[in-house]
Amino acid sequence: MSSLDPAVAARLKRTADGLVPAVVQQHDTGEVLMLGWMDDQALHRTLTSGRATYWSRSRQEYWVKGETSGNVQWVKEVRLDCDGDTLLVKVDQEGGACHTGDRTCFDADLLPGPERRGA
């Protein structure tokens, strides 16, 4: 099995369980779609297959976005932030990105902020 490029792996700052958060964004509109988690193998698979692959913390297994739902994420580019602790995955999303079927996981719950309190 191939592994993540050691130069890339050396730059990653992982959580205690070996994961890095991956913010997923629609490549052409900038729309934030979801947050997933990747370990070295998930990142390697994403970079080499062109399909977004994540580590499911609840199921404790890898999952390729769209493998069962058909809501595929075609990876356009992957960026690492300046601290090495967050990935930005730019994709072409087919269908909904959220497990609820919504386009984005950030549609439903707008929290009150200064502009919503009349300040």
PDB file of N, CA and C in Angstrom:
ATOM      1  N   MET A   1       0.840  -1.174   0.000  1.00  0.00           N
ATOM      2  CA  MET A   1       0.000   0.000   0.000  1.00  0.00           C
ATOM      3  C   MET A   1       0.886   1.238   0.000  1.00  0.00           C
ATOM      4  N   SER A   2       0.568   2.181  -0.857  1.00  0.00           N
ATOM      5  CA  SER A   2       1.309   3.428  -0.907  1.00  0.00           C
ATOM      6  C   SER A   2       0.962   4.274   0.303  1.00  0.00           C
ATOM      7  N   SER A   3       1.807   5.244   0.576  1.00  0.00           N
ATOM      8  CA  SER A   3       1.546   6.097   1.724  1.00  0.00           C
ATOM      9  C   SER A   3       1.740   7.555   1.342  1.00  0.00           C
ATOM     10  N   LEU A   4       1.335   8.417   2.250  1.00  0.00           N
ATOM     11  CA  LEU A   4       1.433   9.844   2.052  1.00  0.00           C
ATOM     12  C   LEU A   4       2.891  10.268   1.893  1.00  0.00           C
ATOM     13  N   ASP A   5       3.128  11.200   1.006  1.00  0.00           N
ATOM     14  CA  ASP A   5       4.464  11.754   0.793  1.00  0.00           C
ATOM     15  C   ASP A   5       5.030  12.198   2.148  1.00  0.00           C
ATOM     16  N   PRO A   6       6.212  11.708   2.524  1.00  0.00           N
ATOM     17  CA  PRO A   6       6.795  12.044   3.823  1.00  0.00           C
ATOM     18  C   PRO A   6       6.951  13.546   4.053  1.00  0.00           C
ATOM     19  N   ALA A   7       7.205  14.311   2.999  1.00  0.00           N
ATOM     20  CA  ALA A   7       7.341  15.763   3.145  1.00  0.00           C
ATOM     21  C   ALA A   7       6.009  16.393   3.547  1.00  0.00           C
ATOM     22  N   VAL A   8       4.921  15.877   3.009  1.00  0.00           N
ATOM     23  CA  VAL A   8       3.590  16.365   3.379  1.00  0.00           C
ATOM     24  C   VAL A   8       3.259  15.892   4.791  1.00  0.00           C
ATOM     25  N   ALA A   9       3.489  14.621   5.068  1.00  0.00           N
ATOM     26  CA  ALA A   9       3.190  14.061   6.384  1.00  0.00           C
ATOM     27  C   ALA A   9       3.923  14.813   7.497  1.00  0.00           C
ATOM     28  N   ALA A  10       5.133  15.243   7.233  1.00  0.00           N
ATOM     29  CA  ALA A  10       5.926  15.947   8.237  1.00  0.00           C
ATOM     30  C   ALA A  10       5.344  17.315   8.583  1.00  0.00           C
ATOM     31  N   ARG A  11       4.574  17.896   7.681  1.00  0.00           N
ATOM     32  CA  ARG A  11       3.993  19.221   7.918  1.00  0.00           C
ATOM     33  C   ARG A  11       2.681  19.168   8.680  1.00  0.00           C
ATOM     34  N   LEU A  12       2.056  17.984   8.767  1.00  0.00           N
ATOM     35  CA  LEU A  12       0.741  17.873   9.402  1.00  0.00           C
ATOM     36  C   LEU A  12       0.830  17.902  10.921  1.00  0.00           C
ATOM     37  N   LYS A  13      -0.047  18.676  11.528  1.00  0.00           N
ATOM     38  CA  LYS A  13      -0.216  18.666  12.981  1.00  0.00           C
ATOM     39  C   LYS A  13      -1.550  17.990  13.245  1.00  0.00           C
ATOM     40  N   ARG A  14      -1.484  16.792  13.799  1.00  0.00           N
ATOM     41  CA  ARG A  14      -2.658  15.944  13.971  1.00  0.00           C
ATOM     42  C   ARG A  14      -3.229  16.059  15.385  1.00  0.00           C
ATOM     43  N   THR A  15      -4.510  15.695  15.519  1.00  0.00           N
ATOM     44  CA  THR A  15      -5.114  15.583  16.836  1.00  0.00           C
ATOM     45  C   THR A  15      -4.506  14.371  17.531  1.00  0.00           C
ATOM     46  N   ALA A  16      -4.851  14.171  18.794  1.00  0.00           N
ATOM     47  CA  ALA A  16      -4.329  13.037  19.562  1.00  0.00           C
ATOM     48  C   ALA A  16      -4.665  11.705  18.902  1.00  0.00           C
ATOM     49  N   ASP A  17      -5.774  11.659  18.163  1.00  0.00           N
ATOM     50  CA  ASP A  17      -6.141  10.406  17.483  1.00  0.00           C
ATOM     51  C   ASP A  17      -5.649  10.359  16.037  1.00  0.00           C
ATOM     52  N   GLY A  18      -4.720  11.244  15.672  1.00  0.00           N
ATOM     53  CA  GLY A  18      -4.064  11.168  14.371  1.00  0.00           C
ATOM     54  C   GLY A  18      -4.814  11.802  13.221  1.00  0.00           C
ATOM     55  N   LEU A  19      -5.778  12.661  13.519  1.00  0.00           N
ATOM     56  CA  LEU A  19      -6.621  13.239  12.473  1.00  0.00           C
ATOM     57  C   LEU A  19      -6.342  14.724  12.262  1.00  0.00           C
ATOM     58  N   VAL A  20      -6.678  15.174  11.059  1.00  0.00           N
ATOM     59  CA  VAL A  20      -6.595  16.583  10.690  1.00  0.00           C
ATOM     60  C   VAL A  20      -7.971  16.983  10.159  1.00  0.00           C
ATOM     61  N   PRO A  21      -8.537  18.104  10.628  1.00  0.00           N
ATOM     62  CA  PRO A  21      -9.824  18.545  10.084  1.00  0.00           C
ATOM     63  C   PRO A  21      -9.664  19.003   8.637  1.00  0.00           C
ATOM     64  N   ALA A  22     -10.664  18.682   7.831  1.00  0.00           N
ATOM     65  CA  ALA A  22     -10.664  19.061   6.422  1.00  0.00           C
ATOM     66  C   ALA A  22     -11.928  19.865   6.125  1.00  0.00           C
ATOM     67  N   VAL A  23     -11.742  21.157   5.900  1.00  0.00           N
ATOM     68  CA  VAL A  23     -12.840  22.026   5.503  1.00  0.00           C
ATOM     69  C   VAL A  23     -13.040  21.809   4.004  1.00  0.00           C
ATOM     70  N   VAL A  24     -14.293  21.538   3.617  1.00  0.00           N
ATOM     71  CA  VAL A  24     -14.579  21.223   2.216  1.00  0.00           C
ATOM     72  C   VAL A  24     -15.362  22.374   1.601  1.00  0.00           C
ATOM     73  N   GLN A  25     -14.870  22.837   0.444  1.00  0.00           N
ATOM     74  CA  GLN A  25     -15.409  24.024  -0.203  1.00  0.00           C
ATOM     75  C   GLN A  25     -15.672  23.737  -1.677  1.00  0.00           C
ATOM     76  N   GLN A  26     -16.783  24.265  -2.201  1.00  0.00           N
ATOM     77  CA  GLN A  26     -17.059  24.182  -3.638  1.00  0.00           C
ATOM     78  C   GLN A  26     -16.008  25.022  -4.355  1.00  0.00           C
ATOM     79  N   HIS A  27     -15.308  24.431  -5.300  1.00  0.00           N
ATOM     80  CA  HIS A  27     -14.132  25.071  -5.900  1.00  0.00           C
ATOM     81  C   HIS A  27     -14.435  26.356  -6.651  1.00  0.00           C
ATOM     82  N   ASP A  28     -15.586  26.470  -7.286  1.00  0.00           N
ATOM     83  CA  ASP A  28     -15.836  27.629  -8.142  1.00  0.00           C
ATOM     84  C   ASP A  28     -16.646  28.739  -7.483  1.00  0.00           C
ATOM     85  N   THR A  29     -17.375  28.430  -6.409  1.00  0.00           N
ATOM     86  CA  THR A  29     -18.195  29.448  -5.752  1.00  0.00           C
ATOM     87  C   THR A  29     -17.671  29.840  -4.382  1.00  0.00           C
ATOM     88  N   GLY A  30     -16.812  29.016  -3.795  1.00  0.00           N
ATOM     89  CA  GLY A  30     -16.308  29.283  -2.455  1.00  0.00           C
ATOM     90  C   GLY A  30     -17.257  28.841  -1.349  1.00  0.00           C
ATOM     91  N   GLU A  31     -18.397  28.262  -1.714  1.00  0.00           N
ATOM     92  CA  GLU A  31     -19.375  27.803  -0.723  1.00  0.00           C
ATOM     93  C   GLU A  31     -18.761  26.739   0.182  1.00  0.00           C
ATOM     94  N   VAL A  32     -18.867  26.924   1.499  1.00  0.00           N
ATOM     95  CA  VAL A  32     -18.360  25.941   2.444  1.00  0.00           C
ATOM     96  C   VAL A  32     -19.403  24.830   2.558  1.00  0.00           C
ATOM     97  N   LEU A  33     -18.993  23.604   2.295  1.00  0.00           N
ATOM     98  CA  LEU A  33     -19.926  22.482   2.211  1.00  0.00           C
ATOM     99  C   LEU A  33     -19.990  21.643   3.479  1.00  0.00           C
ATOM    100  N   MET A  34     -18.848  21.323   4.056  1.00  0.00           N
ATOM    101  CA  MET A  34     -18.833  20.411   5.194  1.00  0.00           C
ATOM    102  C   MET A  34     -17.455  20.408   5.846  1.00  0.00           C
ATOM    103  N   LEU A  35     -17.380  19.696   6.946  1.00  0.00           N
ATOM    104  CA  LEU A  35     -16.113  19.430   7.613  1.00  0.00           C
ATOM    105  C   LEU A  35     -15.966  17.922   7.736  1.00  0.00           C
ATOM    106  N   GLY A  36     -14.833  17.416   7.316  1.00  0.00           N
ATOM    107  CA  GLY A  36     -14.533  15.997   7.470  1.00  0.00           C
ATOM    108  C   GLY A  36     -13.212  15.845   8.192  1.00  0.00           C
ATOM    109  N   TRP A  37     -12.830  14.624   8.447  1.00  0.00           N
ATOM    110  CA  TRP A  37     -11.572  14.327   9.135  1.00  0.00           C
ATOM    111  C   TRP A  37     -10.732  13.390   8.281  1.00  0.00           C
ATOM    112  N   MET A  38      -9.445  13.666   8.214  1.00  0.00           N
ATOM    113  CA  MET A  38      -8.530  12.826   7.444  1.00  0.00           C
ATOM    114  C   MET A  38      -7.341  12.430   8.302  1.00  0.00           C
ATOM    115  N   ASP A  39      -6.903  11.192   8.114  1.00  0.00           N
ATOM    116  CA  ASP A  39      -5.602  10.796   8.628  1.00  0.00           C
ATOM    117  C   ASP A  39      -4.676  10.721   7.417  1.00  0.00           C
ATOM    118  N   ASP A  40      -3.463  10.274   7.614  1.00  0.00           N
ATOM    119  CA  ASP A  40      -2.503  10.241   6.508  1.00  0.00           C
ATOM    120  C   ASP A  40      -3.011   9.410   5.331  1.00  0.00           C
ATOM    121  N   GLN A  41      -3.617   8.266   5.621  1.00  0.00           N
ATOM    122  CA  GLN A  41      -4.085   7.390   4.550  1.00  0.00           C
ATOM    123  C   GLN A  41      -5.258   8.007   3.787  1.00  0.00           C
ATOM    124  N   ALA A  42      -6.186   8.642   4.502  1.00  0.00           N
ATOM    125  CA  ALA A  42      -7.317   9.291   3.832  1.00  0.00           C
ATOM    126  C   ALA A  42      -6.826  10.424   2.932  1.00  0.00           C
ATOM    127  N   LEU A  43      -5.853  11.190   3.421  1.00  0.00           N
ATOM    128  CA  LEU A  43      -5.294  12.270   2.612  1.00  0.00           C
ATOM    129  C   LEU A  43      -4.577  11.709   1.394  1.00  0.00           C
ATOM    130  N   HIS A  44      -3.806  10.665   1.592  1.00  0.00           N
ATOM    131  CA  HIS A  44      -3.122  10.019   0.461  1.00  0.00           C
ATOM    132  C   HIS A  44      -4.130   9.552  -0.587  1.00  0.00           C
ATOM    133  N   ARG A  45      -5.182   8.878  -0.140  1.00  0.00           N
ATOM    134  CA  ARG A  45      -6.213   8.394  -1.075  1.00  0.00           C
ATOM    135  C   ARG A  45      -6.884   9.547  -1.816  1.00  0.00           C
ATOM    136  N   THR A  46      -7.143  10.640  -1.095  1.00  0.00           N
ATOM    137  CA  THR A  46      -7.762  11.817  -1.704  1.00  0.00           C
ATOM    138  C   THR A  46      -6.858  12.406  -2.777  1.00  0.00           C
ATOM    139  N   LEU A  47      -5.585  12.549  -2.461  1.00  0.00           N
ATOM    140  CA  LEU A  47      -4.643  13.156  -3.397  1.00  0.00           C
ATOM    141  C   LEU A  47      -4.385  12.290  -4.619  1.00  0.00           C
ATOM    142  N   THR A  48      -4.435  10.986  -4.469  1.00  0.00           N
ATOM    143  CA  THR A  48      -4.101  10.096  -5.589  1.00  0.00           C
ATOM    144  C   THR A  48      -5.304   9.632  -6.389  1.00  0.00           C
ATOM    145  N   SER A  49      -6.494   9.653  -5.787  1.00  0.00           N
ATOM    146  CA  SER A  49      -7.679   9.147  -6.505  1.00  0.00           C
ATOM    147  C   SER A  49      -8.528  10.242  -7.124  1.00  0.00           C
ATOM    148  N   GLY A  50      -8.410  11.466  -6.590  1.00  0.00           N
ATOM    149  CA  GLY A  50      -9.266  12.543  -7.067  1.00  0.00           C
ATOM    150  C   GLY A  50     -10.670  12.509  -6.476  1.00  0.00           C
ATOM    151  N   ARG A  51     -10.894  11.594  -5.561  1.00  0.00           N
ATOM    152  CA  ARG A  51     -12.167  11.475  -4.837  1.00  0.00           C
ATOM    153  C   ARG A  51     -11.910  11.733  -3.366  1.00  0.00           C
ATOM    154  N   ALA A  52     -12.756  12.568  -2.747  1.00  0.00           N
ATOM    155  CA  ALA A  52     -12.570  12.911  -1.340  1.00  0.00           C
ATOM    156  C   ALA A  52     -12.808  11.682  -0.459  1.00  0.00           C
ATOM    157  N   THR A  53     -11.798  11.356   0.349  1.00  0.00           N
ATOM    158  CA  THR A  53     -11.851  10.214   1.252  1.00  0.00           C
ATOM    159  C   THR A  53     -11.609  10.703   2.671  1.00  0.00           C
ATOM    160  N   TYR A  54     -12.440  10.250   3.590  1.00  0.00           N
ATOM    161  CA  TYR A  54     -12.388  10.709   4.979  1.00  0.00           C
ATOM    162  C   TYR A  54     -12.293   9.526   5.927  1.00  0.00           C
ATOM    163  N   TRP A  55     -11.951   9.846   7.171  1.00  0.00           N
ATOM    164  CA  TRP A  55     -12.002   8.870   8.253  1.00  0.00           C
ATOM    165  C   TRP A  55     -13.266   9.161   9.037  1.00  0.00           C
ATOM    166  N   SER A  56     -14.141   8.162   9.140  1.00  0.00           N
ATOM    167  CA  SER A  56     -15.367   8.310   9.916  1.00  0.00           C
ATOM    168  C   SER A  56     -15.073   8.031  11.373  1.00  0.00           C
ATOM    169  N   ARG A  57     -15.210   9.053  12.198  1.00  0.00           N
ATOM    170  CA  ARG A  57     -14.953   8.879  13.629  1.00  0.00           C
ATOM    171  C   ARG A  57     -16.030   8.021  14.272  1.00  0.00           C
ATOM    172  N   SER A  58     -17.251   8.075  13.758  1.00  0.00           N
ATOM    173  CA  SER A  58     -18.332   7.278  14.355  1.00  0.00           C
ATOM    174  C   SER A  58     -18.263   5.812  13.932  1.00  0.00           C
ATOM    175  N   ARG A  59     -17.939   5.556  12.675  1.00  0.00           N
ATOM    176  CA  ARG A  59     -17.889   4.172  12.176  1.00  0.00           C
ATOM    177  C   ARG A  59     -16.497   3.557  12.265  1.00  0.00           C
ATOM    178  N   GLN A  60     -15.496   4.412  12.523  1.00  0.00           N
ATOM    179  CA  GLN A  60     -14.107   3.952  12.604  1.00  0.00           C
ATOM    180  C   GLN A  60     -13.669   3.236  11.324  1.00  0.00           C
ATOM    181  N   GLU A  61     -13.960   3.892  10.193  1.00  0.00           N
ATOM    182  CA  GLU A  61     -13.557   3.340   8.891  1.00  0.00           C
ATOM    183  C   GLU A  61     -13.456   4.466   7.870  1.00  0.00           C
ATOM    184  N   TYR A  62     -12.769   4.176   6.771  1.00  0.00           N
ATOM    185  CA  TYR A  62     -12.647   5.139   5.689  1.00  0.00           C
ATOM    186  C   TYR A  62     -13.948   5.177   4.909  1.00  0.00           C
ATOM    187  N   TRP A  63     -14.264   6.344   4.381  1.00  0.00           N
ATOM    188  CA  TRP A  63     -15.400   6.444   3.475  1.00  0.00           C
ATOM    189  C   TRP A  63     -15.081   7.437   2.371  1.00  0.00           C
ATOM    190  N   VAL A  64     -15.450   7.044   1.175  1.00  0.00           N
ATOM    191  CA  VAL A  64     -15.282   7.887  -0.001  1.00  0.00           C
ATOM    192  C   VAL A  64     -16.604   8.604  -0.200  1.00  0.00           C
ATOM    193  N   LYS A  65     -16.568   9.931  -0.159  1.00  0.00           N
ATOM    194  CA  LYS A  65     -17.789  10.706  -0.268  1.00  0.00           C
ATOM    195  C   LYS A  65     -18.494  10.366  -1.578  1.00  0.00           C
ATOM    196  N   GLY A  66     -19.758   9.957  -1.455  1.00  0.00           N
ATOM    197  CA  GLY A  66     -20.578   9.634  -2.618  1.00  0.00           C
ATOM    198  C   GLY A  66     -20.584   8.172  -2.993  1.00  0.00           C
ATOM    199  N   GLU A  67     -19.785   7.369  -2.316  1.00  0.00           N
ATOM    200  CA  GLU A  67     -19.694   5.943  -2.659  1.00  0.00           C
ATOM    201  C   GLU A  67     -21.050   5.249  -2.540  1.00  0.00           C
ATOM    202  N   THR A  68     -21.821   5.584  -1.522  1.00  0.00           N
ATOM    203  CA  THR A  68     -23.145   4.976  -1.370  1.00  0.00           C
ATOM    204  C   THR A  68     -24.268   5.938  -1.734  1.00  0.00           C
ATOM    205  N   SER A  69     -24.074   7.239  -1.514  1.00  0.00           N
ATOM    206  CA  SER A  69     -25.136   8.217  -1.758  1.00  0.00           C
ATOM    207  C   SER A  69     -25.191   8.704  -3.197  1.00  0.00           C
ATOM    208  N   GLY A  70     -24.073   8.620  -3.900  1.00  0.00           N
ATOM    209  CA  GLY A  70     -23.996   9.182  -5.247  1.00  0.00           C
ATOM    210  C   GLY A  70     -23.627  10.660  -5.249  1.00  0.00           C
ATOM    211  N   ASN A  71     -23.508  11.268  -4.069  1.00  0.00           N
ATOM    212  CA  ASN A  71     -23.158  12.679  -3.948  1.00  0.00           C
ATOM    213  C   ASN A  71     -21.639  12.838  -3.889  1.00  0.00           C
ATOM    214  N   VAL A  72     -21.033  12.663  -5.032  1.00  0.00           N
ATOM    215  CA  VAL A  72     -19.583  12.571  -5.163  1.00  0.00           C
ATOM    216  C   VAL A  72     -18.907  13.927  -5.005  1.00  0.00           C
ATOM    217  N   GLN A  73     -17.738  13.916  -4.411  1.00  0.00           N
ATOM    218  CA  GLN A  73     -16.873  15.094  -4.360  1.00  0.00           C
ATOM    219  C   GLN A  73     -15.655  14.821  -5.229  1.00  0.00           C
ATOM    220  N   TRP A  74     -15.578  15.538  -6.354  1.00  0.00           N
ATOM    221  CA  TRP A  74     -14.429  15.444  -7.243  1.00  0.00           C
ATOM    222  C   TRP A  74     -13.414  16.475  -6.791  1.00  0.00           C
ATOM    223  N   VAL A  75     -12.269  16.043  -6.357  1.00  0.00           N
ATOM    224  CA  VAL A  75     -11.259  16.924  -5.768  1.00  0.00           C
ATOM    225  C   VAL A  75     -10.552  17.720  -6.862  1.00  0.00           C
ATOM    226  N   LYS A  76     -10.551  19.037  -6.669  1.00  0.00           N
ATOM    227  CA  LYS A  76      -9.864  19.946  -7.586  1.00  0.00           C
ATOM    228  C   LYS A  76      -8.503  20.344  -7.037  1.00  0.00           C
ATOM    229  N   GLU A  77      -8.430  20.578  -5.716  1.00  0.00           N
ATOM    230  CA  GLU A  77      -7.143  20.876  -5.083  1.00  0.00           C
ATOM    231  C   GLU A  77      -7.273  20.692  -3.580  1.00  0.00           C
ATOM    232  N   VAL A  78      -6.127  20.487  -2.942  1.00  0.00           N
ATOM    233  CA  VAL A  78      -6.062  20.364  -1.492  1.00  0.00           C
ATOM    234  C   VAL A  78      -4.958  21.299  -1.017  1.00  0.00           C
ATOM    235  N   ARG A  79      -5.296  22.093   0.006  1.00  0.00           N
ATOM    236  CA  ARG A  79      -4.334  23.040   0.569  1.00  0.00           C
ATOM    237  C   ARG A  79      -4.153  22.750   2.052  1.00  0.00           C
ATOM    238  N   LEU A  80      -2.983  23.061   2.544  1.00  0.00           N
ATOM    239  CA  LEU A  80      -2.667  22.931   3.967  1.00  0.00           C
ATOM    240  C   LEU A  80      -2.499  24.337   4.518  1.00  0.00           C
ATOM    241  N   ASP A  81      -3.145  24.633   5.656  1.00  0.00           N
ATOM    242  CA  ASP A  81      -3.027  25.984   6.208  1.00  0.00           C
ATOM    243  C   ASP A  81      -1.622  26.233   6.746  1.00  0.00           C
ATOM    244  N   CYS A  82      -1.371  27.488   7.112  1.00  0.00           N
ATOM    245  CA  CYS A  82      -0.028  27.917   7.508  1.00  0.00           C
ATOM    246  C   CYS A  82       0.490  27.199   8.748  1.00  0.00           C
ATOM    247  N   ASP A  83      -0.406  26.743   9.611  1.00  0.00           N
ATOM    248  CA  ASP A  83       0.000  26.032  10.835  1.00  0.00           C
ATOM    249  C   ASP A  83       0.124  24.523  10.641  1.00  0.00           C
ATOM    250  N   GLY A  84      -0.360  24.021   9.517  1.00  0.00           N
ATOM    251  CA  GLY A  84      -0.305  22.590   9.258  1.00  0.00           C
ATOM    252  C   GLY A  84      -1.354  21.790  10.005  1.00  0.00           C
ATOM    253  N   ASP A  85      -2.361  22.488  10.564  1.00  0.00           N
ATOM    254  CA  ASP A  85      -3.358  21.759  11.358  1.00  0.00           C
ATOM    255  C   ASP A  85      -4.755  21.709  10.762  1.00  0.00           C
ATOM    256  N   THR A  86      -4.925  22.229   9.543  1.00  0.00           N
ATOM    257  CA  THR A  86      -6.219  22.176   8.869  1.00  0.00           C
ATOM    258  C   THR A  86      -5.999  22.069   7.371  1.00  0.00           C
ATOM    259  N   LEU A  87      -6.813  21.219   6.747  1.00  0.00           N
ATOM    260  CA  LEU A  87      -6.795  21.074   5.297  1.00  0.00           C
ATOM    261  C   LEU A  87      -7.969  21.826   4.693  1.00  0.00           C
ATOM    262  N   LEU A  88      -7.787  22.353   3.505  1.00  0.00           N
ATOM    263  CA  LEU A  88      -8.868  22.927   2.713  1.00  0.00           C
ATOM    264  C   LEU A  88      -8.968  22.074   1.458  1.00  0.00           C
ATOM    265  N   VAL A  89     -10.111  21.424   1.291  1.00  0.00           N
ATOM    266  CA  VAL A  89     -10.317  20.543   0.147  1.00  0.00           C
ATOM    267  C   VAL A  89     -11.324  21.218  -0.771  1.00  0.00           C
ATOM    268  N   LYS A  90     -10.868  21.619  -1.950  1.00  0.00           N
ATOM    269  CA  LYS A  90     -11.742  22.265  -2.923  1.00  0.00           C
ATOM    270  C   LYS A  90     -12.240  21.193  -3.880  1.00  0.00           C
ATOM    271  N   VAL A  91     -13.566  21.112  -3.997  1.00  0.00           N
ATOM    272  CA  VAL A  91     -14.182  20.027  -4.747  1.00  0.00           C
ATOM    273  C   VAL A  91     -15.218  20.551  -5.727  1.00  0.00           C
ATOM    274  N   ASP A  92     -15.602  19.682  -6.644  1.00  0.00           N
ATOM    275  CA  ASP A  92     -16.797  19.875  -7.451  1.00  0.00           C
ATOM    276  C   ASP A  92     -17.813  18.901  -6.865  1.00  0.00           C
ATOM    277  N   GLN A  93     -18.783  19.428  -6.142  1.00  0.00           N
ATOM    278  CA  GLN A  93     -19.765  18.618  -5.422  1.00  0.00           C
ATOM    279  C   GLN A  93     -20.920  18.249  -6.339  1.00  0.00           C
ATOM    280  N   GLU A  94     -21.229  16.966  -6.411  1.00  0.00           N
ATOM    281  CA  GLU A  94     -22.419  16.487  -7.115  1.00  0.00           C
ATOM    282  C   GLU A  94     -23.470  16.169  -6.062  1.00  0.00           C
ATOM    283  N   GLY A  95     -24.617  16.843  -6.111  1.00  0.00           N
ATOM    284  CA  GLY A  95     -25.671  16.615  -5.128  1.00  0.00           C
ATOM    285  C   GLY A  95     -25.316  17.257  -3.802  1.00  0.00           C
ATOM    286  N   GLY A  96     -25.999  16.801  -2.748  1.00  0.00           N
ATOM    287  CA  GLY A  96     -25.794  17.366  -1.422  1.00  0.00           C
ATOM    288  C   GLY A  96     -24.515  16.884  -0.783  1.00  0.00           C
ATOM    289  N   ALA A  97     -23.866  17.775  -0.052  1.00  0.00           N
ATOM    290  CA  ALA A  97     -22.650  17.398   0.675  1.00  0.00           C
ATOM    291  C   ALA A  97     -22.976  16.866   2.062  1.00  0.00           C
ATOM    292  N   CYS A  98     -24.104  17.314   2.625  1.00  0.00           N
ATOM    293  CA  CYS A  98     -24.456  16.936   3.992  1.00  0.00           C
ATOM    294  C   CYS A  98     -25.146  15.570   4.026  1.00  0.00           C
ATOM    295  N   HIS A  99     -24.946  14.837   5.112  1.00  0.00           N
ATOM    296  CA  HIS A  99     -25.589  13.527   5.257  1.00  0.00           C
ATOM    297  C   HIS A  99     -27.115  13.642   5.335  1.00  0.00           C
ATOM    298  N   THR A 100     -27.615  14.866   5.587  1.00  0.00           N
ATOM    299  CA  THR A 100     -29.069  15.089   5.620  1.00  0.00           C
ATOM    300  C   THR A 100     -29.652  15.243   4.222  1.00  0.00           C
ATOM    301  N   GLY A 101     -28.766  15.375   3.236  1.00  0.00           N
ATOM    302  CA  GLY A 101     -29.206  15.601   1.866  1.00  0.00           C
ATOM    303  C   GLY A 101     -29.130  17.055   1.439  1.00  0.00           C
ATOM    304  N   ASP A 102     -28.904  17.953   2.415  1.00  0.00           N
ATOM    305  CA  ASP A 102     -28.767  19.371   2.094  1.00  0.00           C
ATOM    306  C   ASP A 102     -27.494  19.614   1.296  1.00  0.00           C
ATOM    307  N   ARG A 103     -27.481  20.694   0.555  1.00  0.00           N
ATOM    308  CA  ARG A 103     -26.320  21.069  -0.245  1.00  0.00           C
ATOM    309  C   ARG A 103     -25.081  21.233   0.632  1.00  0.00           C
ATOM    310  N   THR A 104     -25.255  21.894   1.791  1.00  0.00           N
ATOM    311  CA  THR A 104     -24.156  22.150   2.708  1.00  0.00           C
ATOM    312  C   THR A 104     -24.582  21.803   4.129  1.00  0.00           C
ATOM    313  N   CYS A 105     -23.639  21.454   4.950  1.00  0.00           N
ATOM    314  CA  CYS A 105     -23.931  21.147   6.358  1.00  0.00           C
ATOM    315  C   CYS A 105     -24.185  22.409   7.167  1.00  0.00           C
ATOM    316  N   PHE A 106     -24.000  23.578   6.555  1.00  0.00           N
ATOM    317  CA  PHE A 106     -24.102  24.836   7.283  1.00  0.00           C
ATOM    318  C   PHE A 106     -25.338  25.645   6.910  1.00  0.00           C
ATOM    319  N   ASP A 107     -26.376  24.996   6.386  1.00  0.00           N
ATOM    320  CA  ASP A 107     -27.600  25.694   5.998  1.00  0.00           C
ATOM    321  C   ASP A 107     -28.575  25.926   7.132  1.00  0.00           C
ATOM    322  N   ALA A 108     -28.657  25.006   8.078  1.00  0.00           N
ATOM    323  CA  ALA A 108     -29.797  24.958   8.988  1.00  0.00           C
ATOM    324  C   ALA A 108     -29.730  25.881  10.192  1.00  0.00           C
ATOM    325  N   ASP A 109     -28.628  25.980  10.859  1.00  0.00           N
ATOM    326  CA  ASP A 109     -28.594  26.642  12.156  1.00  0.00           C
ATOM    327  C   ASP A 109     -27.738  27.899  12.171  1.00  0.00           C
ATOM    328  N   LEU A 110     -28.392  29.038  11.887  1.00  0.00           N
ATOM    329  CA  LEU A 110     -27.712  30.326  11.964  1.00  0.00           C
ATOM    330  C   LEU A 110     -27.782  30.799  13.404  1.00  0.00           C
ATOM    331  N   LEU A 111     -26.639  30.934  14.038  1.00  0.00           N
ATOM    332  CA  LEU A 111     -26.578  31.349  15.436  1.00  0.00           C
ATOM    333  C   LEU A 111     -26.713  32.865  15.546  1.00  0.00           C
ATOM    334  N   PRO A 112     -27.287  33.336  16.641  1.00  0.00           N
ATOM    335  CA  PRO A 112     -27.419  34.788  16.801  1.00  0.00           C
ATOM    336  C   PRO A 112     -26.061  35.446  16.965  1.00  0.00           C
ATOM    337  N   GLY A 113     -25.872  36.535  16.262  1.00  0.00           N
ATOM    338  CA  GLY A 113     -24.646  37.311  16.347  1.00  0.00           C
ATOM    339  C   GLY A 113     -24.998  38.774  16.487  1.00  0.00           C
ATOM    340  N   PRO A 114     -24.003  39.638  16.491  1.00  0.00           N
ATOM    341  CA  PRO A 114     -24.267  41.063  16.701  1.00  0.00           C
ATOM    342  C   PRO A 114     -25.312  41.635  15.746  1.00  0.00           C
ATOM    343  N   GLU A 115     -25.228  41.270  14.469  1.00  0.00           N
ATOM    344  CA  GLU A 115     -26.165  41.818  13.488  1.00  0.00           C
ATOM    345  C   GLU A 115     -27.586  41.301  13.690  1.00  0.00           C
ATOM    346  N   ARG A 116     -27.747  40.161  14.332  1.00  0.00           N
ATOM    347  CA  ARG A 116     -29.085  39.597  14.535  1.00  0.00           C
ATOM    348  C   ARG A 116     -29.695  40.067  15.843  1.00  0.00           C
ATOM    349  N   ARG A 117     -28.888  40.644  16.719  1.00  0.00           N
ATOM    350  CA  ARG A 117     -29.401  41.148  17.991  1.00  0.00           C
ATOM    351  C   ARG A 117     -29.734  42.631  17.922  1.00  0.00           C
ATOM    352  N   GLY A 118     -29.532  43.218  16.780  1.00  0.00           N
ATOM    353  CA  GLY A 118     -29.818  44.636  16.631  1.00  0.00           C
ATOM    354  C   GLY A 118     -28.684  45.548  17.053  1.00  0.00           C
ATOM    355  N   ALA A 119     -27.502  45.009  17.235  1.00  0.00           N
ATOM    356  CA  ALA A 119     -26.362  45.840  17.675  1.00  0.00           C
ATOM    357  C   ALA A 119     -25.701  46.504  16.501  1.00  0.00           C
TER     358      ALA A 119
END
